[in-house]
PDB file of N, CA and C in Angstrom:
ATOM      1  N   MET A   1     -10.805  -6.918 -13.730  1.00  0.00           N
ATOM      2  CA  MET A   1     -10.186  -5.409 -14.490  1.00  0.00           C
ATOM      3  C   MET A   1      -9.585  -4.987 -13.730  1.00  0.00           C
ATOM      4  N   GLN A   2      -8.358  -4.568 -14.610  1.00  0.00           N
ATOM      5  CA  GLN A   2      -7.650  -3.969 -13.672  1.00  0.00           C
ATOM      6  C   GLN A   2      -7.493  -2.773 -13.347  1.00  0.00           C
ATOM      7  N   ARG A   3      -7.473  -1.540 -12.298  1.00  0.00           N
ATOM      8  CA  ARG A   3      -7.643  -0.777 -12.130  1.00  0.00           C
ATOM      9  C   ARG A   3      -7.060   0.620 -12.953  1.00  0.00           C
ATOM     10  N   PRO A   4      -7.601   1.716 -12.648  1.00  0.00           N
ATOM     11  CA  PRO A   4      -6.728   2.653 -13.834  1.00  0.00           C
ATOM     12  C   PRO A   4      -5.402   3.313 -13.296  1.00  0.00           C
ATOM     13  N   ASP A   5      -4.150   3.245 -13.243  1.00  0.00           N
ATOM     14  CA  ASP A   5      -3.201   4.201 -12.246  1.00  0.00           C
ATOM     15  C   ASP A   5      -3.631   5.660 -11.372  1.00  0.00           C
ATOM     16  N   GLU A   6      -4.502   5.993 -12.534  1.00  0.00           N
ATOM     17  CA  GLU A   6      -4.535   6.767 -11.484  1.00  0.00           C
ATOM     18  C   GLU A   6      -5.540   6.526 -10.287  1.00  0.00           C
ATOM     19  N   GLU A   7      -6.642   5.831  -9.573  1.00  0.00           N
ATOM     20  CA  GLU A   7      -7.074   5.548  -9.092  1.00  0.00           C
ATOM     21  C   GLU A   7      -6.529   3.901  -7.886  1.00  0.00           C
ATOM     22  N   LEU A   8      -4.938   3.905  -8.547  1.00  0.00           N
ATOM     23  CA  LEU A   8      -3.835   3.088  -8.039  1.00  0.00           C
ATOM     24  C   LEU A   8      -2.864   3.487  -7.519  1.00  0.00           C
ATOM     25  N   LEU A   9      -3.046   4.693  -7.521  1.00  0.00           N
ATOM     26  CA  LEU A   9      -1.679   5.890  -7.229  1.00  0.00           C
ATOM     27  C   LEU A   9      -3.030   6.632  -6.208  1.00  0.00           C
ATOM     28  N   ASP A  10      -4.185   6.880  -5.697  1.00  0.00           N
ATOM     29  CA  ASP A  10      -4.849   7.860  -4.830  1.00  0.00           C
ATOM     30  C   ASP A  10      -4.715   7.271  -3.385  1.00  0.00           C
ATOM     31  N   PHE A  11      -3.963   8.239  -2.891  1.00  0.00           N
ATOM     32  CA  PHE A  11      -3.570   7.830  -1.519  1.00  0.00           C
ATOM     33  C   PHE A  11      -3.150   8.623  -0.791  1.00  0.00           C
ATOM     34  N   ASP A  12      -2.879   8.821   0.443  1.00  0.00           N
ATOM     35  CA  ASP A  12      -1.350  10.193   1.056  1.00  0.00           C
ATOM     36  C   ASP A  12       0.046  10.268   1.218  1.00  0.00           C
ATOM     37  N   THR A  13       0.357  10.035   0.525  1.00  0.00           N
ATOM     38  CA  THR A  13       1.371   9.673  -0.145  1.00  0.00           C
ATOM     39  C   THR A  13       2.195  10.651   0.714  1.00  0.00           C
ATOM     40  N   GLY A  14       1.738  11.524   1.927  1.00  0.00           N
ATOM     41  CA  GLY A  14       2.573  12.053   3.388  1.00  0.00           C
ATOM     42  C   GLY A  14       2.918  11.874   4.228  1.00  0.00           C
ATOM     43  N   GLU A  15       1.923  10.260   4.535  1.00  0.00           N
ATOM     44  CA  GLU A  15       2.329   9.280   4.893  1.00  0.00           C
ATOM     45  C   GLU A  15       3.484   8.215   4.966  1.00  0.00           C
ATOM     46  N   LEU A  16       4.160   8.337   3.487  1.00  0.00           N
ATOM     47  CA  LEU A  16       5.075   7.539   2.901  1.00  0.00           C
ATOM     48  C   LEU A  16       6.461   8.177   3.372  1.00  0.00           C
ATOM     49  N   GLU A  17       7.017   7.373   4.266  1.00  0.00           N
ATOM     50  CA  GLU A  17       8.667   8.011   4.254  1.00  0.00           C
ATOM     51  C   GLU A  17       9.827   8.341   2.770  1.00  0.00           C
ATOM     52  N   ASP A  18       9.606   7.471   2.276  1.00  0.00           N
ATOM     53  CA  ASP A  18      10.593   7.069   0.687  1.00  0.00           C
ATOM     54  C   ASP A  18       9.326   7.141   0.015  1.00  0.00           C
ATOM     55  N   TRP A  19       8.022   8.200  -0.510  1.00  0.00           N
ATOM     56  CA  TRP A  19       8.072   8.325  -1.336  1.00  0.00           C
ATOM     57  C   TRP A  19       8.920   8.961  -3.281  1.00  0.00           C
ATOM     58  N   ASP A  20       9.054   9.215  -3.825  1.00  0.00           N
ATOM     59  CA  ASP A  20       9.679   9.384  -4.541  1.00  0.00           C
ATOM     60  C   ASP A  20       8.944   9.455  -5.926  1.00  0.00           C
ATOM     61  N   GLU A  21       7.640  10.144  -6.531  1.00  0.00           N
ATOM     62  CA  GLU A  21       6.780  10.307  -7.620  1.00  0.00           C
ATOM     63  C   GLU A  21       7.787  10.005  -8.984  1.00  0.00           C
ATOM     64  N   GLU A  22       9.140  10.540  -9.295  1.00  0.00           N
ATOM     65  CA  GLU A  22       9.348  10.272 -10.388  1.00  0.00           C
ATOM     66  C   GLU A  22       9.830   8.015 -10.601  1.00  0.00           C
ATOM     67  N   ARG A  23      10.372   8.108  -9.067  1.00  0.00           N
ATOM     68  CA  ARG A  23      10.398   6.403  -8.961  1.00  0.00           C
ATOM     69  C   ARG A  23       8.927   5.645  -9.606  1.00  0.00           C
ATOM     70  N   THR A  24       8.086   6.194  -8.973  1.00  0.00           N
ATOM     71  CA  THR A  24       7.208   5.215  -8.848  1.00  0.00           C
ATOM     72  C   THR A  24       6.371   5.502 -11.590  1.00  0.00           C
ATOM     73  N   ARG A  25       6.356   6.940 -11.554  1.00  0.00           N
ATOM     74  CA  ARG A  25       6.051   7.070 -12.511  1.00  0.00           C
ATOM     75  C   ARG A  25       7.369   5.837 -13.524  1.00  0.00           C
ATOM     76  N   ALA A  26       8.809   6.222 -13.214  1.00  0.00           N
ATOM     77  CA  ALA A  26       9.591   4.635 -13.880  1.00  0.00           C
ATOM     78  C   ALA A  26       9.370   3.595 -13.403  1.00  0.00           C
ATOM     79  N   ALA A  27       8.542   3.514 -12.550  1.00  0.00           N
ATOM     80  CA  ALA A  27       7.953   1.806 -12.198  1.00  0.00           C
ATOM     81  C   ALA A  27       6.524   1.354 -13.229  1.00  0.00           C
ATOM     82  N   LEU A  28       6.359   1.841 -13.181  1.00  0.00           N
ATOM     83  CA  LEU A  28       5.056   1.651 -13.521  1.00  0.00           C
ATOM     84  C   LEU A  28       5.144   2.351 -15.652  1.00  0.00           C
ATOM     85  N   ASP A  29       6.211   2.095 -15.956  1.00  0.00           N
ATOM     86  CA  ASP A  29       6.631   3.031 -17.290  1.00  0.00           C
ATOM     87  C   ASP A  29       7.022   1.284 -17.906  1.00  0.00           C
ATOM     88  N   GLY A  30       8.392   0.599 -16.334  1.00  0.00           N
ATOM     89  CA  GLY A  30       9.285   0.443 -16.531  1.00  0.00           C
ATOM     90  C   GLY A  30       9.084  -1.338 -17.389  1.00  0.00           C
ATOM     91  N   GLU A  31       9.716  -1.758 -16.877  1.00  0.00           N
ATOM     92  CA  GLU A  31       9.465  -3.411 -16.812  1.00  0.00           C
ATOM     93  C   GLU A  31       8.953  -3.712 -15.567  1.00  0.00           C
ATOM     94  N   HIS A  32       8.546  -3.459 -15.504  1.00  0.00           N
ATOM     95  CA  HIS A  32       7.653  -4.574 -14.174  1.00  0.00           C
ATOM     96  C   HIS A  32       6.617  -3.984 -14.003  1.00  0.00           C
ATOM     97  N   GLY A  33       5.793  -2.579 -14.514  1.00  0.00           N
ATOM     98  CA  GLY A  33       5.308  -1.806 -14.410  1.00  0.00           C
ATOM     99  C   GLY A  33       3.545  -2.672 -14.063  1.00  0.00           C
ATOM    100  N   THR A  34       3.634  -3.486 -14.751  1.00  0.00           N
ATOM    101  CA  THR A  34       2.149  -5.221 -14.848  1.00  0.00           C
ATOM    102  C   THR A  34       2.106  -5.333 -12.184  1.00  0.00           C
ATOM    103  N   LEU A  35       3.440  -6.113 -12.125  1.00  0.00           N
ATOM    104  CA  LEU A  35       4.292  -6.741 -11.433  1.00  0.00           C
ATOM    105  C   LEU A  35       3.371  -5.161  -9.413  1.00  0.00           C
ATOM    106  N   TYR A  36       4.612  -4.069 -10.409  1.00  0.00           N
ATOM    107  CA  TYR A  36       3.947  -2.841  -9.722  1.00  0.00           C
ATOM    108  C   TYR A  36       3.053  -2.020  -9.465  1.00  0.00           C
ATOM    109  N   ARG A  37       1.626  -2.461 -10.307  1.00  0.00           N
ATOM    110  CA  ARG A  37      -0.085  -1.952 -10.194  1.00  0.00           C
ATOM    111  C   ARG A  37      -0.405  -3.554  -9.366  1.00  0.00           C
ATOM    112  N   ASN A  38      -0.076  -4.273  -9.522  1.00  0.00           N
ATOM    113  CA  ASN A  38      -0.729  -5.708  -8.549  1.00  0.00           C
ATOM    114  C   ASN A  38      -0.011  -5.237  -7.540  1.00  0.00           C
ATOM    115  N   HIS A  39       1.640  -4.437  -7.198  1.00  0.00           N
ATOM    116  CA  HIS A  39       1.753  -4.094  -5.661  1.00  0.00           C
ATOM    117  C   HIS A  39       0.673  -2.795  -5.826  1.00  0.00           C
ATOM    118  N   LEU A  40       0.706  -2.111  -6.062  1.00  0.00           N
ATOM    119  CA  LEU A  40      -0.892  -0.873  -5.814  1.00  0.00           C
ATOM    120  C   LEU A  40      -2.248  -1.407  -5.268  1.00  0.00           C
ATOM    121  N   ASP A  41      -2.531  -2.631  -6.037  1.00  0.00           N
ATOM    122  CA  ASP A  41      -3.460  -2.623  -5.838  1.00  0.00           C
ATOM    123  C   ASP A  41      -4.176  -3.501  -4.723  1.00  0.00           C
ATOM    124  N   ILE A  42      -3.507  -4.753  -4.283  1.00  0.00           N
ATOM    125  CA  ILE A  42      -2.636  -5.229  -2.940  1.00  0.00           C
ATOM    126  C   ILE A  42      -2.673  -4.338  -2.036  1.00  0.00           C
ATOM    127  N   ALA A  43      -2.389  -2.694  -1.543  1.00  0.00           N
ATOM    128  CA  ALA A  43      -1.558  -2.614  -1.046  1.00  0.00           C
ATOM    129  C   ALA A  43      -3.320  -1.366  -0.899  1.00  0.00           C
ATOM    130  N   LEU A  44      -3.740  -1.107  -1.672  1.00  0.00           N
ATOM    131  CA  LEU A  44      -5.324  -0.377  -1.239  1.00  0.00           C
ATOM    132  C   LEU A  44      -6.307  -1.387  -1.131  1.00  0.00           C
ATOM    133  N   HIS A  45      -5.936  -2.886  -1.123  1.00  0.00           N
ATOM    134  CA  HIS A  45      -6.209  -3.953   0.640  1.00  0.00           C
ATOM    135  C   HIS A  45      -6.187  -3.845   1.135  1.00  0.00           C
ATOM    136  N   LEU A  46      -4.798  -3.846   1.704  1.00  0.00           N
ATOM    137  CA  LEU A  46      -3.782  -3.772   2.559  1.00  0.00           C
ATOM    138  C   LEU A  46      -4.875  -2.661   3.484  1.00  0.00           C
ATOM    139  N   ASP A  47      -5.282  -1.552   3.248  1.00  0.00           N
ATOM    140  CA  ASP A  47      -5.844  -0.667   3.705  1.00  0.00           C
ATOM    141  C   ASP A  47      -7.243  -1.265   4.067  1.00  0.00           C
ATOM    142  N   GLN A  48      -7.898  -1.005   2.927  1.00  0.00           N
ATOM    143  CA  GLN A  48      -9.660  -1.449   3.358  1.00  0.00           C
ATOM    144  C   GLN A  48      -9.193  -3.094   5.356  1.00  0.00           C
ATOM    145  N   TRP A  49      -8.528  -3.732   5.077  1.00  0.00           N
ATOM    146  CA  TRP A  49      -7.932  -4.945   5.820  1.00  0.00           C
ATOM    147  C   TRP A  49      -7.937  -3.623   7.986  1.00  0.00           C
ATOM    148  N   ALA A  50      -7.112  -3.612   6.678  1.00  0.00           N
ATOM    149  CA  ALA A  50      -6.520  -2.294   8.513  1.00  0.00           C
ATOM    150  C   ALA A  50      -7.602  -1.342   9.289  1.00  0.00           C
ATOM    151  N   GLU A  51      -8.608  -0.808   7.903  1.00  0.00           N
ATOM    152  CA  GLU A  51      -9.590  -0.007   8.681  1.00  0.00           C
ATOM    153  C   GLU A  51     -10.756  -1.402   8.823  1.00  0.00           C
ATOM    154  N   ALA A  52     -10.710  -2.303   8.370  1.00  0.00           N
ATOM    155  CA  ALA A  52     -12.057  -2.992   9.750  1.00  0.00           C
ATOM    156  C   ALA A  52     -11.006  -3.560  10.572  1.00  0.00           C
ATOM    157  N   GLU A  53      -9.847  -3.682  11.207  1.00  0.00           N
ATOM    158  CA  GLU A  53      -9.242  -4.263  12.025  1.00  0.00           C
ATOM    159  C   GLU A  53      -9.527  -3.182  13.313  1.00  0.00           C
ATOM    160  N   SER A  54      -9.167  -2.209  12.406  1.00  0.00           N
ATOM    161  CA  SER A  54      -9.031  -1.581  13.660  1.00  0.00           C
ATOM    162  C   SER A  54     -10.381  -0.725  14.741  1.00  0.00           C
ATOM    163  N   ARG A  55     -11.437  -1.575  13.556  1.00  0.00           N
ATOM    164  CA  ARG A  55     -12.648  -1.253  14.132  1.00  0.00           C
ATOM    165  C   ARG A  55     -13.091  -2.170  14.641  1.00  0.00           C
ATOM    166  N   ARG A  56     -12.763  -3.766  15.179  1.00  0.00           N
ATOM    167  CA  ARG A  56     -12.308  -4.700  16.073  1.00  0.00           C
ATOM    168  C   ARG A  56     -12.663  -4.628  17.627  1.00  0.00           C
ATOM    169  N   THR A  57     -13.849  -4.619  17.539  1.00  0.00           N
ATOM    170  CA  THR A  57     -13.757  -4.570  19.630  1.00  0.00           C
ATOM    171  C   THR A  57     -13.595  -5.957  20.088  1.00  0.00           C
ATOM    172  N   ASP A  58     -14.101  -7.113  19.894  1.00  0.00           N
ATOM    173  CA  ASP A  58     -12.892  -8.642  20.389  1.00  0.00           C
ATOM    174  C   ASP A  58     -11.277  -8.607  20.409  1.00  0.00           C
ATOM    175  N   THR A  59     -10.416  -7.962  20.121  1.00  0.00           N
ATOM    176  CA  THR A  59      -9.107  -8.315  20.662  1.00  0.00           C
ATOM    177  C   THR A  59      -9.170  -7.171  21.503  1.00  0.00           C
ATOM    178  N   ASP A  60      -7.473  -7.263  21.916  1.00  0.00           N
ATOM    179  CA  ASP A  60      -6.752  -6.059  22.642  1.00  0.00           C
ATOM    180  C   ASP A  60      -6.254  -5.519  21.647  1.00  0.00           C
ATOM    181  N   ALA A  61      -6.348  -4.008  23.513  1.00  0.00           N
ATOM    182  CA  ALA A  61      -6.673  -2.702  21.950  1.00  0.00           C
ATOM    183  C   ALA A  61      -4.945  -3.142  21.769  1.00  0.00           C
ATOM    184  N   ARG A  62      -3.501  -2.799  22.522  1.00  0.00           N
ATOM    185  CA  ARG A  62      -2.694  -3.299  21.748  1.00  0.00           C
ATOM    186  C   ARG A  62      -2.499  -4.429  20.625  1.00  0.00           C
ATOM    187  N   TYR A  63      -2.540  -5.480  20.941  1.00  0.00           N
ATOM    188  CA  TYR A  63      -2.572  -6.168  19.410  1.00  0.00           C
ATOM    189  C   TYR A  63      -3.221  -5.643  18.192  1.00  0.00           C
ATOM    190  N   LYS A  64      -4.642  -5.428  18.498  1.00  0.00           N
ATOM    191  CA  LYS A  64      -5.340  -4.607  17.187  1.00  0.00           C
ATOM    192  C   LYS A  64      -4.527  -3.335  16.421  1.00  0.00           C
ATOM    193  N   ALA A  65      -3.507  -2.396  17.590  1.00  0.00           N
ATOM    194  CA  ALA A  65      -2.696  -1.342  17.342  1.00  0.00           C
ATOM    195  C   ALA A  65      -1.659  -2.241  16.439  1.00  0.00           C
ATOM    196  N   GLY A  66      -1.193  -2.391  16.853  1.00  0.00           N
ATOM    197  CA  GLY A  66       0.549  -3.781  16.318  1.00  0.00           C
ATOM    198  C   GLY A  66       0.012  -4.098  14.350  1.00  0.00           C
ATOM    199  N   TYR A  67      -0.802  -4.772  15.068  1.00  0.00           N
ATOM    200  CA  TYR A  67      -2.254  -5.898  14.366  1.00  0.00           C
ATOM    201  C   TYR A  67      -1.760  -4.765  13.374  1.00  0.00           C
ATOM    202  N   THR A  68      -2.661  -3.681  12.445  1.00  0.00           N
ATOM    203  CA  THR A  68      -3.068  -2.483  11.724  1.00  0.00           C
ATOM    204  C   THR A  68      -2.572  -1.411  11.534  1.00  0.00           C
ATOM    205  N   GLN A  69      -0.833  -1.508  12.425  1.00  0.00           N
ATOM    206  CA  GLN A  69       0.849  -0.653  12.030  1.00  0.00           C
ATOM    207  C   GLN A  69       0.850  -2.006  11.164  1.00  0.00           C
ATOM    208  N   ALA A  70       1.500  -3.007  10.841  1.00  0.00           N
ATOM    209  CA  ALA A  70       1.580  -3.673  10.720  1.00  0.00           C
ATOM    210  C   ALA A  70       1.598  -3.751   8.814  1.00  0.00           C
ATOM    211  N   LEU A  71      -0.162  -3.606   8.591  1.00  0.00           N
ATOM    212  CA  LEU A  71      -0.610  -3.374   7.281  1.00  0.00           C
ATOM    213  C   LEU A  71      -0.997  -2.640   6.832  1.00  0.00           C
ATOM    214  N   ARG A  72      -0.362  -1.273   7.625  1.00  0.00           N
ATOM    215  CA  ARG A  72      -0.049   0.184   6.659  1.00  0.00           C
ATOM    216  C   ARG A  72       1.015  -0.185   6.132  1.00  0.00           C
ATOM    217  N   ASP A  73       2.247  -0.779   7.456  1.00  0.00           N
ATOM    218  CA  ASP A  73       3.612  -0.439   7.061  1.00  0.00           C
ATOM    219  C   ASP A  73       3.821  -1.602   4.848  1.00  0.00           C
ATOM    220  N   THR A  74       3.381  -2.014   4.978  1.00  0.00           N
ATOM    221  CA  THR A  74       3.420  -3.288   4.446  1.00  0.00           C
ATOM    222  C   THR A  74       2.974  -2.651   3.168  1.00  0.00           C
ATOM    223  N   ALA A  75       1.183  -1.640   2.873  1.00  0.00           N
ATOM    224  CA  ALA A  75       0.863  -1.842   1.528  1.00  0.00           C
ATOM    225  C   ALA A  75       1.672  -0.563   1.600  1.00  0.00           C
ATOM    226  N   ALA A  76       2.568   0.467   2.720  1.00  0.00           N
ATOM    227  CA  ALA A  76       3.922   1.161   2.094  1.00  0.00           C
ATOM    228  C   ALA A  76       5.554   1.259   1.520  1.00  0.00           C
ATOM    229  N   PHE A  77       5.259   0.303   2.160  1.00  0.00           N
ATOM    230  CA  PHE A  77       6.504  -1.332   1.102  1.00  0.00           C
ATOM    231  C   PHE A  77       5.994  -1.528  -0.292  1.00  0.00           C
ATOM    232  N   LEU A  78       4.876  -1.813  -0.062  1.00  0.00           N
ATOM    233  CA  LEU A  78       4.601  -2.189  -1.857  1.00  0.00           C
ATOM    234  C   LEU A  78       4.599  -0.847  -2.190  1.00  0.00           C
ATOM    235  N   ARG A  79       4.013   0.043  -2.142  1.00  0.00           N
ATOM    236  CA  ARG A  79       3.735   1.891  -2.697  1.00  0.00           C
ATOM    237  C   ARG A  79       4.559   2.467  -2.972  1.00  0.00           C
ATOM    238  N   GLN A  80       5.820   1.708  -2.104  1.00  0.00           N
ATOM    239  CA  GLN A  80       7.443   2.861  -2.492  1.00  0.00           C
ATOM    240  C   GLN A  80       7.866   1.849  -3.390  1.00  0.00           C
ATOM    241  N   THR A  81       7.207   1.630  -4.124  1.00  0.00           N
ATOM    242  CA  THR A  81       8.874   0.741  -4.671  1.00  0.00           C
ATOM    243  C   THR A  81       9.388  -0.924  -4.025  1.00  0.00           C
ATOM    244  N   TYR A  82       9.079  -0.951  -2.759  1.00  0.00           N
ATOM    245  CA  TYR A  82      10.605  -1.642  -2.114  1.00  0.00           C
ATOM    246  C   TYR A  82      10.315  -3.136  -2.743  1.00  0.00           C
ATOM    247  N   TYR A  83       9.649  -4.265  -3.358  1.00  0.00           N
ATOM    248  CA  TYR A  83       9.503  -5.315  -3.620  1.00  0.00           C
ATOM    249  C   TYR A  83       9.232  -5.333  -4.112  1.00  0.00           C
ATOM    250  N   LEU A  84       9.885  -4.809  -5.367  1.00  0.00           N
ATOM    251  CA  LEU A  84       9.868  -4.611  -7.042  1.00  0.00           C
ATOM    252  C   LEU A  84      11.537  -4.858  -7.307  1.00  0.00           C
ATOM    253  N   PRO A  85      11.577  -6.520  -8.517  1.00  0.00           N
ATOM    254  CA  PRO A  85      13.115  -6.718  -8.878  1.00  0.00           C
ATOM    255  C   PRO A  85      13.659  -5.491  -9.118  1.00  0.00           C
TER     256      PRO A  85
END
């Protein structure tokens, strides 16, 4: 079952370099709204994955930092509509 838009958009936009509320609403209401909702859902999972990875103690600290940053960056790009057609 698809999450409600309010849940998909429940994240800190202050850390996003290119957040635009109007662009987000247009994407949700536009031709690719279903795809964008999927991207937002994936971003939630990436955030959870990054959080779990950041708690690991069995990896090198620099590797862990880079890996979690890559997950968070990908989530941010998905949220900012970068991967929509």
